[in-house]
Structure formats: structure tokens, C-alpha cells
Protein backbone atom coordinates (compact mmCIF):
# COMPACT_ATOMS: atom_id res chain seq x y z
CA UNK A 1 -157.09 59.54 -64.21
CA UNK A 2 -154.37 56.92 -63.81
CA UNK A 3 -151.96 59.09 -65.80
CA UNK A 4 -152.66 62.07 -63.53
CA UNK A 5 -152.21 59.91 -60.42
CA UNK A 6 -148.97 58.50 -61.78
CA UNK A 7 -147.73 62.01 -62.56
CA UNK A 8 -148.49 63.22 -59.05
CA UNK A 9 -146.79 60.20 -57.51
CA UNK A 10 -143.78 60.63 -59.78
CA UNK A 11 -143.39 64.29 -58.86
CA UNK A 12 -143.86 63.53 -55.17
CA UNK A 13 -141.24 60.82 -55.35
CA UNK A 14 -138.87 63.10 -57.22
CA UNK A 15 -139.26 65.79 -54.57
CA UNK A 16 -138.50 63.26 -51.83
CA UNK A 17 -135.42 61.99 -53.67
CA UNK A 18 -134.14 65.53 -54.19
CA UNK A 19 -134.79 66.41 -50.54
CA UNK A 20 -132.96 63.30 -49.31
CA UNK A 21 -130.07 63.94 -51.70
CA UNK A 22 -129.84 67.53 -50.45
CA UNK A 23 -129.76 66.35 -46.84
CA UNK A 24 -127.05 63.79 -47.60
CA UNK A 25 -125.01 66.35 -49.55
CA UNK A 26 -125.23 68.96 -46.79
CA UNK A 27 -124.13 66.40 -44.17
CA UNK A 28 -121.05 65.27 -46.10
CA UNK A 29 -117.70 66.30 -44.59
CA UNK A 30 -116.20 69.37 -46.23
CA UNK A 31 -112.82 68.23 -47.44
CA UNK A 32 -109.66 70.26 -47.98
CA UNK A 33 -106.71 69.02 -50.01
CA UNK A 34 -104.05 69.82 -47.45
CA UNK A 35 -101.31 68.41 -49.67
CA UNK A 36 -101.79 71.27 -52.10
CA UNK A 37 -100.79 74.84 -51.33
CA UNK A 38 -103.39 77.50 -50.62
CA UNK A 39 -103.88 79.50 -53.85
CA UNK A 40 -104.00 82.68 -51.77
CA UNK A 41 -100.59 81.90 -50.27
CA UNK A 42 -99.16 81.24 -53.72
CA UNK A 43 -100.57 84.52 -55.04
CA UNK A 44 -99.38 86.54 -52.03
CA UNK A 45 -95.88 85.13 -52.36
CA UNK A 46 -95.65 86.00 -56.07
CA UNK A 47 -95.98 89.64 -54.97
CA UNK A 48 -93.73 89.38 -51.92
CA UNK A 49 -90.68 91.03 -53.45
CA UNK A 50 -88.21 91.51 -50.61
CA UNK A 51 -90.83 90.72 -47.95
CA UNK A 52 -90.69 87.46 -45.97
CA UNK A 53 -92.75 84.81 -47.74
CA UNK A 54 -95.89 83.34 -46.18
CA UNK A 55 -95.79 79.78 -44.92
CA UNK A 56 -98.93 77.85 -44.08
CA UNK A 57 -99.66 75.21 -41.51
CA UNK A 58 -102.40 73.27 -39.75
CA UNK A 59 -102.91 72.71 -36.06
CA UNK A 60 -105.24 70.05 -34.67
CA UNK A 61 -106.94 70.50 -31.32
CA UNK A 62 -109.68 68.21 -30.00
CA UNK A 63 -110.12 66.69 -33.45
CA UNK A 64 -110.46 69.99 -35.34
CA UNK A 65 -107.86 71.39 -37.74
CA UNK A 66 -107.15 75.10 -37.87
CA UNK A 67 -105.39 76.54 -40.93
CA UNK A 68 -102.99 79.42 -40.41
CA UNK A 69 -100.53 81.46 -42.46
CA UNK A 70 -97.46 83.22 -41.09
CA UNK A 71 -94.51 85.33 -42.19
CA UNK A 72 -91.83 87.55 -40.71
CA UNK A 73 -89.96 87.79 -37.43
CA UNK A 74 -90.29 89.91 -34.34
CA UNK A 75 -93.04 90.78 -31.89
CA UNK A 76 -96.02 88.61 -32.95
CA UNK A 77 -99.28 90.00 -34.30
CA UNK A 78 -102.26 87.73 -35.02
CA UNK A 79 -104.96 88.85 -37.47
CA UNK A 80 -108.42 87.27 -37.54
CA UNK A 81 -110.99 87.78 -40.31
CA UNK A 82 -114.76 88.08 -40.10
CA UNK A 83 -117.80 86.73 -41.95
CA UNK A 84 -118.01 86.13 -44.85
CA UNK A 85 -114.26 86.05 -45.30
CA UNK A 86 -111.01 84.20 -44.71
CA UNK A 87 -107.41 85.00 -43.82
CA UNK A 88 -106.59 86.86 -47.04
CA UNK A 89 -109.02 89.70 -46.24
CA UNK A 90 -106.39 91.21 -43.91
CA UNK A 91 -103.56 90.92 -46.44
CA UNK A 92 -103.04 94.70 -46.67
CA UNK A 93 -102.20 94.90 -42.98
CA UNK A 94 -100.16 91.68 -43.06
CA UNK A 95 -98.05 92.85 -45.99
CA UNK A 96 -96.90 95.90 -44.06
CA UNK A 97 -96.61 94.37 -40.61
CA UNK A 98 -94.57 91.34 -41.72
CA UNK A 99 -91.65 93.65 -42.48
CA UNK A 100 -90.73 93.75 -38.81
CA UNK A 101 -93.20 91.49 -37.01
CA UNK A 102 -94.07 87.84 -36.92
CA UNK A 103 -97.51 87.97 -38.49
CA UNK A 104 -99.98 85.09 -38.19
CA UNK A 105 -103.34 85.01 -39.96
CA UNK A 106 -105.82 82.26 -39.15
CA UNK A 107 -108.77 80.80 -40.99
CA UNK A 108 -111.53 80.69 -38.40
CA UNK A 109 -113.38 77.43 -37.90
CA UNK A 110 -115.70 76.93 -40.88
CA UNK A 111 -113.76 79.34 -43.10
CA UNK A 112 -110.99 79.07 -45.67
CA UNK A 113 -109.06 75.83 -45.30
CA UNK A 114 -109.87 75.17 -41.64
CA UNK A 115 -112.21 72.36 -40.65
CA UNK A 116 -115.93 73.03 -40.96
CA UNK A 117 -117.72 70.65 -38.57
CA UNK A 118 -121.50 70.36 -38.67
CA UNK A 119 -121.67 70.41 -34.86
CA UNK A 120 -122.83 73.93 -33.94
CA UNK A 121 -121.44 73.62 -30.42
CA UNK A 122 -117.90 73.48 -31.84
CA UNK A 123 -118.27 77.15 -32.80
CA UNK A 124 -118.88 78.43 -29.29
CA UNK A 125 -116.40 81.20 -28.58
CA UNK A 126 -115.00 79.48 -25.51
CA UNK A 127 -114.10 76.39 -27.56
CA UNK A 128 -112.60 78.37 -30.44
CA UNK A 129 -110.60 80.54 -28.04
CA UNK A 130 -109.25 77.41 -26.34
CA UNK A 131 -108.18 76.10 -29.77
CA UNK A 132 -106.49 79.41 -30.55
CA UNK A 133 -104.65 79.51 -27.23
CA UNK A 134 -103.38 75.99 -27.87
CA UNK A 135 -102.17 77.16 -31.29
CA UNK A 136 -100.23 80.01 -29.67
CA UNK A 137 -98.61 77.51 -27.32
CA UNK A 138 -97.75 75.27 -30.27
CA UNK A 139 -96.11 78.21 -32.05
CA UNK A 140 -94.15 79.16 -28.93
CA UNK A 141 -95.93 82.50 -28.53
CA UNK A 142 -96.16 83.66 -24.93
CA UNK A 143 -97.93 86.94 -25.66
CA UNK A 144 -99.26 88.57 -28.82
CA UNK A 145 -100.90 91.62 -30.33
CA UNK A 146 -104.35 90.85 -31.72
CA UNK A 147 -106.26 92.37 -34.64
CA UNK A 148 -109.71 91.30 -35.82
CA UNK A 149 -112.41 92.43 -38.22
CA UNK A 150 -116.16 91.77 -37.80
CA UNK A 151 -116.45 88.35 -36.11
CA UNK A 152 -112.68 88.40 -35.87
CA UNK A 153 -112.99 91.50 -33.67
CA UNK A 154 -115.53 89.74 -31.45
CA UNK A 155 -113.08 86.85 -31.23
CA UNK A 156 -109.92 88.82 -30.37
CA UNK A 157 -111.74 91.07 -27.89
CA UNK A 158 -113.10 87.94 -26.23
CA UNK A 159 -109.63 86.42 -26.11
CA UNK A 160 -108.29 89.60 -24.50
CA UNK A 161 -111.08 89.47 -21.91
CA UNK A 162 -110.42 85.80 -21.15
CA UNK A 163 -106.62 85.79 -21.44
CA UNK A 164 -105.17 89.25 -20.73
CA UNK A 165 -101.92 87.58 -19.71
CA UNK A 166 -101.50 86.37 -23.32
CA UNK A 167 -102.53 89.67 -24.93
CA UNK A 168 -100.23 92.64 -25.54
CA UNK A 169 -102.77 94.85 -27.34
CA UNK A 170 -106.08 94.27 -29.08
CA UNK A 171 -107.57 96.03 -32.10
CA UNK A 172 -111.14 95.44 -33.23
CA UNK A 173 -112.48 96.65 -36.56
CA UNK A 174 -116.23 97.14 -37.09
CA UNK A 175 -117.43 94.90 -34.23
CA UNK A 176 -117.37 95.02 -30.41
CA UNK A 177 -117.07 92.34 -27.76
CA UNK A 178 -119.76 89.68 -27.63
CA UNK A 179 -120.81 91.08 -24.24
CA UNK A 180 -121.41 94.56 -25.67
CA UNK A 181 -123.17 93.18 -28.73
CA UNK A 182 -125.57 91.10 -26.63
CA UNK A 183 -126.26 94.02 -24.30
CA UNK A 184 -127.12 96.24 -27.26
CA UNK A 185 -129.36 93.53 -28.73
CA UNK A 186 -131.15 93.12 -25.41
CA UNK A 187 -131.81 96.82 -24.85
CA UNK A 188 -131.90 98.67 -28.18
CA UNK A 189 -134.92 98.28 -30.47
CA UNK A 190 -133.10 99.82 -33.45
CA UNK A 191 -130.27 97.30 -33.16
CA UNK A 192 -132.82 94.52 -32.84
CA UNK A 193 -134.39 95.59 -36.13
CA UNK A 194 -131.02 95.82 -37.87
CA UNK A 195 -130.04 92.39 -36.57
CA UNK A 196 -133.03 90.61 -38.12
CA UNK A 197 -130.63 89.37 -40.80
CA UNK A 198 -128.88 87.30 -38.13
CA UNK A 199 -132.02 85.26 -37.51
CA UNK A 200 -132.40 84.68 -41.26
CA UNK A 201 -128.79 83.49 -41.38
CA UNK A 202 -129.34 81.10 -38.50
CA UNK A 203 -132.43 79.55 -40.10
CA UNK A 204 -130.66 78.80 -43.38
CA UNK A 205 -129.09 75.51 -44.45
CA UNK A 206 -126.74 74.47 -47.23
CA UNK A 207 -129.41 73.51 -49.83
CA UNK A 208 -131.30 76.75 -49.18
CA UNK A 209 -128.14 78.84 -49.47
CA UNK A 210 -127.36 77.13 -52.75
CA UNK A 211 -130.91 77.55 -54.06
CA UNK A 212 -130.86 81.25 -53.18
CA UNK A 213 -127.56 81.74 -54.96
CA UNK A 214 -125.80 82.92 -51.81
CA UNK A 215 -122.27 82.03 -53.02
CA UNK A 216 -122.81 84.30 -56.03
CA UNK A 217 -124.43 86.99 -53.89
CA UNK A 218 -121.48 87.04 -51.47
CA UNK A 219 -119.17 87.44 -54.43
CA UNK A 220 -121.24 90.33 -55.79
CA UNK A 221 -121.54 92.08 -52.41
CA UNK A 222 -119.05 92.86 -51.06
CA UNK A 223 -116.18 91.38 -53.06
CA UNK A 224 -117.03 92.29 -56.65
CA UNK A 225 -117.80 95.80 -55.39
CA UNK A 226 -114.34 95.93 -53.82
CA UNK A 227 -112.82 94.86 -57.14
CA UNK A 228 -114.88 97.42 -59.07
CA UNK A 229 -113.80 100.14 -56.61
CA UNK A 230 -110.14 99.20 -56.94
CA UNK A 231 -109.82 97.97 -53.35
CA UNK A 232 -109.04 94.45 -54.58
CA UNK A 233 -107.29 93.38 -57.76
CA UNK A 234 -109.16 91.16 -60.25
CA UNK A 235 -106.85 88.30 -59.25
CA UNK A 236 -107.76 88.80 -55.60
CA UNK A 237 -111.42 88.87 -56.59
CA UNK A 238 -110.99 85.41 -58.10
CA UNK A 239 -109.50 84.15 -54.85
CA UNK A 240 -112.49 85.38 -52.86
CA UNK A 241 -114.97 84.02 -55.39
CA UNK A 242 -113.33 80.62 -55.15
CA UNK A 243 -113.28 80.77 -51.34
CA UNK A 244 -117.08 81.22 -51.23
CA UNK A 245 -118.07 78.79 -53.97
CA UNK A 246 -119.25 76.06 -51.56
CA UNK A 247 -122.62 76.70 -49.89
CA UNK A 248 -121.84 74.06 -47.27
CA UNK A 249 -118.78 75.98 -46.08
CA UNK A 250 -120.77 79.21 -45.97
CA UNK A 251 -123.38 77.42 -43.88
CA UNK A 252 -120.67 76.12 -41.55
CA UNK A 253 -119.28 79.62 -41.09
CA UNK A 254 -122.78 80.85 -40.17
CA UNK A 255 -122.46 78.57 -37.14
CA UNK A 256 -120.54 81.41 -35.46
CA UNK A 257 -123.92 83.19 -35.29
CA UNK A 258 -125.90 80.08 -34.33
CA UNK A 259 -123.54 79.15 -31.52
CA UNK A 260 -123.09 82.57 -29.92
CA UNK A 261 -126.02 84.91 -30.63
CA UNK A 262 -129.46 83.82 -29.39
CA UNK A 263 -132.62 85.61 -30.45
CA UNK A 264 -132.65 88.88 -28.50
CA UNK A 265 -135.75 87.73 -26.62
CA UNK A 266 -133.87 84.64 -25.41
CA UNK A 267 -130.59 86.17 -24.22
CA UNK A 268 -129.64 85.13 -20.68
CA UNK A 269 -126.66 85.88 -18.45
CA UNK A 270 -124.96 82.62 -19.45
CA UNK A 271 -124.80 83.81 -23.08
CA UNK A 272 -122.44 86.63 -22.11
CA UNK A 273 -119.02 85.15 -22.75
CA UNK A 274 -116.63 85.16 -21.00
CA UNK A 275 -118.92 86.83 -18.43
CA UNK A 276 -121.35 89.72 -18.23
CA UNK A 277 -118.87 91.88 -16.32
CA UNK A 278 -115.74 90.94 -18.26
CA UNK A 279 -113.46 93.86 -19.04
CA UNK A 280 -110.56 94.56 -21.40
CA UNK A 281 -107.56 95.60 -19.33
CA UNK A 282 -104.91 95.71 -22.08
CA UNK A 283 -104.41 98.68 -24.45
CA UNK A 284 -107.26 98.50 -26.93
CA UNK A 285 -108.34 100.12 -30.19
CA UNK A 286 -111.76 100.21 -31.84
CA UNK A 287 -111.95 101.22 -35.52
CA UNK A 288 -115.21 101.87 -37.34
CA UNK A 289 -116.70 103.72 -40.30
CA UNK A 290 -119.48 106.31 -40.23
CA UNK A 291 -121.35 104.49 -43.01
CA UNK A 292 -121.29 101.10 -41.33
CA UNK A 293 -124.99 100.30 -40.98
CA UNK A 294 -124.57 96.90 -39.32
CA UNK A 295 -123.98 98.20 -35.78
CA UNK A 296 -125.10 101.40 -34.08
CA UNK A 297 -122.75 104.09 -32.69
CA UNK A 298 -124.18 103.33 -29.24
CA UNK A 299 -121.56 100.59 -29.16
CA UNK A 300 -118.86 103.15 -28.39
CA UNK A 301 -119.95 104.19 -24.85
CA UNK A 302 -120.65 100.55 -24.01
CA UNK A 303 -117.14 99.60 -25.13
CA UNK A 304 -115.64 102.43 -23.09
CA UNK A 305 -117.39 101.10 -19.98
CA UNK A 306 -115.53 97.79 -20.19
CA UNK A 307 -112.24 98.98 -21.73
CA UNK A 308 -110.68 101.87 -19.77
CA UNK A 309 -107.67 101.91 -22.14
CA UNK A 310 -109.80 102.05 -25.30
CA UNK A 311 -108.91 104.40 -28.14
CA UNK A 312 -111.55 104.91 -30.85
CA UNK A 313 -110.94 105.87 -34.48
CA UNK A 314 -113.86 106.78 -36.73
CA UNK A 315 -113.46 107.13 -40.49
CA UNK A 316 -116.00 109.36 -42.18
CA UNK A 317 -117.58 108.02 -45.34
CA UNK A 318 -116.32 104.50 -44.67
CA UNK A 319 -118.47 101.39 -44.36
CA UNK A 320 -117.92 97.99 -42.76
CA UNK A 321 -114.48 97.39 -44.34
CA UNK A 322 -112.09 100.12 -43.08
CA UNK A 323 -109.08 97.80 -43.40
CA UNK A 324 -109.68 97.82 -47.17
CA UNK A 325 -111.21 101.27 -47.63
CA UNK A 326 -108.55 102.99 -45.50
CA UNK A 327 -105.95 100.26 -45.46
CA UNK A 328 -102.85 102.41 -44.94
CA UNK A 329 -104.46 104.47 -42.19
CA UNK A 330 -105.75 101.39 -40.39
CA UNK A 331 -102.35 99.73 -40.58
CA UNK A 332 -100.69 102.90 -39.26
CA UNK A 333 -103.14 102.97 -36.34
CA UNK A 334 -102.35 99.34 -35.50
CA UNK A 335 -98.64 100.10 -35.68
CA UNK A 336 -99.04 103.09 -33.39
CA UNK A 337 -100.79 100.99 -30.74
CA UNK A 338 -98.30 98.14 -31.04
CA UNK A 339 -95.29 100.46 -30.95
CA UNK A 340 -96.59 102.35 -27.91
CA UNK A 341 -97.05 99.13 -25.98
CA UNK A 342 -93.65 97.84 -27.09
CA UNK A 343 -92.00 101.05 -25.86
CA UNK A 344 -93.85 100.72 -22.55
CA UNK A 345 -92.44 97.21 -22.11
CA UNK A 346 -88.82 98.22 -22.75
């Protein structure tokens, strides 16, 4: 009897120790060796040929460091990735655009080599947009073209709504504004069902993500699939696998969801950032694929309501990653929008 009791106590104690260790581990700051070069920058520059090489930098604002990469000269274009991703996911567009533009790619808060604070409030769009605007000021950029994929699209559309005076054009790939997304979640039962994964994301934590093998699962879908389909090289696959090897950083990046998307039953007017009636007044482009099952096509009329200058491009047979699956066509569409606006300014 004593042996059984001792065994139960031992196991209980072990569980407590493991739980405490997991809590301590998940709360530890996520460090980045900023003295060493980003492996993705090194790899991209080995293939640069006659293209301008990428340089990387960090910009601190209100105690948080944002990592960015830039190359080229000319009219600036900023590209912002989505989840789960980092700056390199838009390399196909950057490689072309840096020939005649100043191209800047940022690692969003929680992603890549940017800071990943545990404070969920730091990931509110208004705070991240303020950080980004301060970065533009630091880089001497008065006005810029914006391109974003997934959460990056939500981000750049939101910036264009909040700061049209700083925005030349805006292109979103596979995601709408936060205001449109919340409206669809509030009113569309099908979108509510699709978005159940968001609530599962928000309830996760670093130990759970690690226990469920999420770093490996992110590698397998989508990135290994992109490698297998020839959309990424094996070397690029290794870069993405390395970028998502830390469950704590993945959990930090999920804070974009926690900070900005309430449960659809709890959405209030104050959640609509920058405001429920905010519009996009600059020339805008929305790109999506017919096989993207994350968001419904009902997004399109809602986007048109708030963006009178919106042009929509739909790629048949394409999923959530048009910038990889149709990289040349997407880049050409961005160029067309940017060139048209540049000609209008002359």
C-alpha cells in the first residue's frame, strides 16, 4: 500500500514539476542573436546576381524591436507577410520589384527576427501600425506602396484606412480589412464555422503547441507541400522549417488573432479598427484564389463597399498562396497598380 501511495505521490509531483517547468519555459524571453546575419538574407544574397543586395536592420519603438530587410532604390514598396510566415515568404515579389524600387520587407511582431512579447495587447493593430509608421519615418519614407498577404493584408489595408496620406497604393492577398472580416464573422454562419480554427489557435499555449507537434505540422503544411510542388527550393524549405522550429515564437505570432479577433458572439463596435465605417480611398487591389477555403467570396462585395477604387483579381485553381502559386502574375499585377499610380502622380 505504501509503495502504491509513494508511486502516486511521485507521479503527481513529477506532473507538477513538468507543468511548472513548461510555464517557466513558455514565459522566457524569446531571444534573437542580432549580431549574426539572418540566414534568409544570406541565402537571398547568394542568388542576387546583378540585383541590389538585401540589407537588414532593426528599429525599436516603445521598447519593441522590429526586424526589416530592404534592397533597391526608387519609389518605395513595403511587403508584409502573414501567419504562419515571415519576411522571406514574399521573396518572389521582392526579387522582381527591387530592380527599380526600394523594397522593404518586415518581420511582423512575433515573427522572424522581430521581438515576440508575451503581452497580447502589444499585438493590437493600432499599436503595430503606430510602430510601422514610426519605422517609415525613421527610413525617411513619406509615402509608400503597400503589399500584404494573409494577416499582412489585414495590416496594410488597415494602415491605408488609418493613414491614407502615407499610402500610395495598397494590395492585399487572400485577406480583407479587419473591418470586413469582423462584419463577415458577425453576420455569416458559414464563415463562423470556417473560423472555428481561430478559437482553437487562441486557446493554445507554447507547451501545448509543442506537445501537438505544431512546428512540424506547419512545416509539413504548407511549406513542405510548396517544396514538393516546386514552389520553393529545398534550401528555402530549410529556411522556413528553421523559422518555425520554436513553439514559443509560433504562440507569440498567434497573438495577432488573440489581440484583434474576438469570438464572433463577442464582437462590438470598438473591435472594428480603425473604425466601423473606415474606407480605403487610395487605389487598391485584392488578389485571391478560387480554392482558398479560409475566407468566403462574400468578402468581395463587402470590400467594394469600403474601397471605391478596388480592383479584384481571382485566380482559378489557386489556394491561399497566390504569390507563390502565381508569383509572376501577382508581381505583374502589383507592378501595374504601382505604375498606374506613379503615372498619375507625374
